[in-house]
Amino acid sequence: MTRAHVIIKGRVQGVCYRAFTQEVAIRLGLTGWVRNKRDGTVEAVFDGERQKIEEAIKLCWEGPSLANVTDIEIDWQEIDKGHTDFRITH
């Protein structure tokens, strides 16, 4: 089990990106959260098996149909205390 803290850049707000990310995470059995940031990026934390997280990040590059992802920054971390579900936060 591991954690990835990601920042997703591009046209990712106002295009249902958070709901898309939540759907992907739940489908892959990941926990964590996703939220919009004031600078126009989307921030997310994925907890779970590294292979599943890597699959989620690959899908995040695609995003929903109206999104245009230009970069994803990934910070791999140890899990100190995991999450119990995957939520959209504010």
C-alpha atoms as a PDB file:
ATOM      1  CA  MET A   1       0.000   0.000   0.000  1.00  0.00           C
ATOM      2  CA  THR A   2       1.240   3.432  -0.919  1.00  0.00           C
ATOM      3  CA  ARG A   3       0.034   6.981  -1.542  1.00  0.00           C
ATOM      4  CA  ALA A   4       0.313   9.357  -4.481  1.00  0.00           C
ATOM      5  CA  HIS A   5      -0.315  13.067  -3.973  1.00  0.00           C
ATOM      6  CA  VAL A   6      -0.984  14.547  -7.408  1.00  0.00           C
ATOM      7  CA  ILE A   7      -1.521  17.983  -8.914  1.00  0.00           C
ATOM      8  CA  ILE A   8      -3.311  17.942 -12.258  1.00  0.00           C
ATOM      9  CA  LYS A   9      -2.826  20.948 -14.551  1.00  0.00           C
ATOM     10  CA  GLY A  10      -4.622  22.153 -17.646  1.00  0.00           C
ATOM     11  CA  ARG A  11      -8.319  22.691 -18.298  1.00  0.00           C
ATOM     12  CA  VAL A  12      -9.497  20.590 -15.353  1.00  0.00           C
ATOM     13  CA  GLN A  13     -12.033  22.774 -13.567  1.00  0.00           C
ATOM     14  CA  GLY A  14     -15.619  23.201 -14.728  1.00  0.00           C
ATOM     15  CA  VAL A  15     -15.455  19.988 -16.783  1.00  0.00           C
ATOM     16  CA  CYS A  16     -16.590  17.391 -14.166  1.00  0.00           C
ATOM     17  CA  TYR A  17     -12.988  16.403 -13.502  1.00  0.00           C
ATOM     18  CA  ARG A  18     -13.436  15.755  -9.776  1.00  0.00           C
ATOM     19  CA  ALA A  19     -16.429  13.458 -10.373  1.00  0.00           C
ATOM     20  CA  PHE A  20     -14.456  11.643 -13.068  1.00  0.00           C
ATOM     21  CA  THR A  21     -11.518  11.167 -10.692  1.00  0.00           C
ATOM     22  CA  GLN A  22     -13.785   9.904  -7.920  1.00  0.00           C
ATOM     23  CA  GLU A  23     -15.405   7.397 -10.291  1.00  0.00           C
ATOM     24  CA  VAL A  24     -11.989   6.116 -11.429  1.00  0.00           C
ATOM     25  CA  ALA A  25     -10.723   5.769  -7.851  1.00  0.00           C
ATOM     26  CA  ILE A  26     -13.811   3.914  -6.651  1.00  0.00           C
ATOM     27  CA  ARG A  27     -13.735   1.577  -9.671  1.00  0.00           C
ATOM     28  CA  LEU A  28     -10.077   0.738  -8.923  1.00  0.00           C
ATOM     29  CA  GLY A  29     -10.670   0.275  -5.190  1.00  0.00           C
ATOM     30  CA  LEU A  30      -8.605   3.304  -4.134  1.00  0.00           C
ATOM     31  CA  THR A  31      -9.278   5.637  -1.226  1.00  0.00           C
ATOM     32  CA  GLY A  32      -8.387   9.309  -0.760  1.00  0.00           C
ATOM     33  CA  TRP A  33      -9.802  12.609  -1.975  1.00  0.00           C
ATOM     34  CA  VAL A  34      -9.892  15.131  -4.830  1.00  0.00           C
ATOM     35  CA  ARG A  35     -10.485  18.896  -4.826  1.00  0.00           C
ATOM     36  CA  ASN A  36     -10.186  22.035  -6.943  1.00  0.00           C
ATOM     37  CA  LYS A  37      -7.448  24.487  -6.008  1.00  0.00           C
ATOM     38  CA  ARG A  38      -7.701  28.257  -6.356  1.00  0.00           C
ATOM     39  CA  ASP A  39      -4.909  28.301  -8.945  1.00  0.00           C
ATOM     40  CA  GLY A  40      -7.063  26.325 -11.422  1.00  0.00           C
ATOM     41  CA  THR A  41      -5.453  22.945 -10.804  1.00  0.00           C
ATOM     42  CA  VAL A  42      -6.975  19.823  -9.293  1.00  0.00           C
ATOM     43  CA  GLU A  43      -5.302  18.158  -6.313  1.00  0.00           C
ATOM     44  CA  ALA A  44      -5.843  14.516  -5.372  1.00  0.00           C
ATOM     45  CA  VAL A  45      -4.550  11.869  -3.000  1.00  0.00           C
ATOM     46  CA  PHE A  46      -4.797   8.210  -3.983  1.00  0.00           C
ATOM     47  CA  ASP A  47      -4.180   5.469  -1.402  1.00  0.00           C
ATOM     48  CA  GLY A  48      -3.878   1.818  -2.420  1.00  0.00           C
ATOM     49  CA  GLU A  49      -1.791  -0.608  -4.427  1.00  0.00           C
ATOM     50  CA  ARG A  50       0.842   1.159  -6.526  1.00  0.00           C
ATOM     51  CA  GLN A  51      -0.268  -0.590  -9.739  1.00  0.00           C
ATOM     52  CA  LYS A  52      -3.875   0.592  -9.228  1.00  0.00           C
ATOM     53  CA  ILE A  53      -2.702   4.137  -8.466  1.00  0.00           C
ATOM     54  CA  GLU A  54      -0.581   4.170 -11.624  1.00  0.00           C
ATOM     55  CA  GLU A  55      -3.655   3.060 -13.593  1.00  0.00           C
ATOM     56  CA  ALA A  56      -5.707   5.887 -12.024  1.00  0.00           C
ATOM     57  CA  ILE A  57      -3.029   8.436 -12.932  1.00  0.00           C
ATOM     58  CA  LYS A  58      -2.980   7.142 -16.525  1.00  0.00           C
ATOM     59  CA  LEU A  59      -6.752   7.651 -16.688  1.00  0.00           C
ATOM     60  CA  CYS A  60      -6.347  11.120 -15.142  1.00  0.00           C
ATOM     61  CA  TRP A  61      -4.241  12.085 -18.172  1.00  0.00           C
ATOM     62  CA  GLU A  62      -7.318  11.370 -20.306  1.00  0.00           C
ATOM     63  CA  GLY A  63      -9.889  12.924 -17.959  1.00  0.00           C
ATOM     64  CA  PRO A  64     -13.496  13.586 -18.954  1.00  0.00           C
ATOM     65  CA  SER A  65     -14.193  14.584 -22.554  1.00  0.00           C
ATOM     66  CA  LEU A  66     -14.034  18.373 -22.004  1.00  0.00           C
ATOM     67  CA  ALA A  67     -10.778  18.286 -19.994  1.00  0.00           C
ATOM     68  CA  ASN A  68      -7.345  19.036 -21.423  1.00  0.00           C
ATOM     69  CA  VAL A  69      -4.617  17.807 -19.060  1.00  0.00           C
ATOM     70  CA  THR A  70      -1.215  19.392 -19.699  1.00  0.00           C
ATOM     71  CA  ASP A  71       0.767  18.038 -16.731  1.00  0.00           C
ATOM     72  CA  ILE A  72       0.461  15.825 -13.662  1.00  0.00           C
ATOM     73  CA  GLU A  73       2.903  16.227 -10.792  1.00  0.00           C
ATOM     74  CA  ILE A  74       3.215  13.080  -8.652  1.00  0.00           C
ATOM     75  CA  ASP A  75       4.650  12.838  -5.152  1.00  0.00           C
ATOM     76  CA  TRP A  76       4.844   9.223  -3.945  1.00  0.00           C
ATOM     77  CA  GLN A  77       4.501   8.931  -0.163  1.00  0.00           C
ATOM     78  CA  GLU A  78       4.286   6.407   2.619  1.00  0.00           C
ATOM     79  CA  ILE A  79       0.817   5.946   4.113  1.00  0.00           C
ATOM     80  CA  ASP A  80       0.730   7.004   7.748  1.00  0.00           C
ATOM     81  CA  LYS A  81      -3.039   6.795   8.121  1.00  0.00           C
ATOM     82  CA  GLY A  82      -5.178   5.670   5.209  1.00  0.00           C
ATOM     83  CA  HIS A  83      -8.569   6.932   4.144  1.00  0.00           C
ATOM     84  CA  THR A  84     -11.745   4.846   4.330  1.00  0.00           C
ATOM     85  CA  ASP A  85     -13.307   6.008   1.048  1.00  0.00           C
ATOM     86  CA  PHE A  86     -12.707   8.399  -1.856  1.00  0.00           C
ATOM     87  CA  ARG A  87     -14.317  11.823  -1.512  1.00  0.00           C
ATOM     88  CA  ILE A  88     -14.683  15.082  -3.351  1.00  0.00           C
ATOM     89  CA  THR A  89     -13.623  17.797  -0.915  1.00  0.00           C
ATOM     90  CA  HIS A  90     -13.608  21.584  -1.038  1.00  0.00           C
END
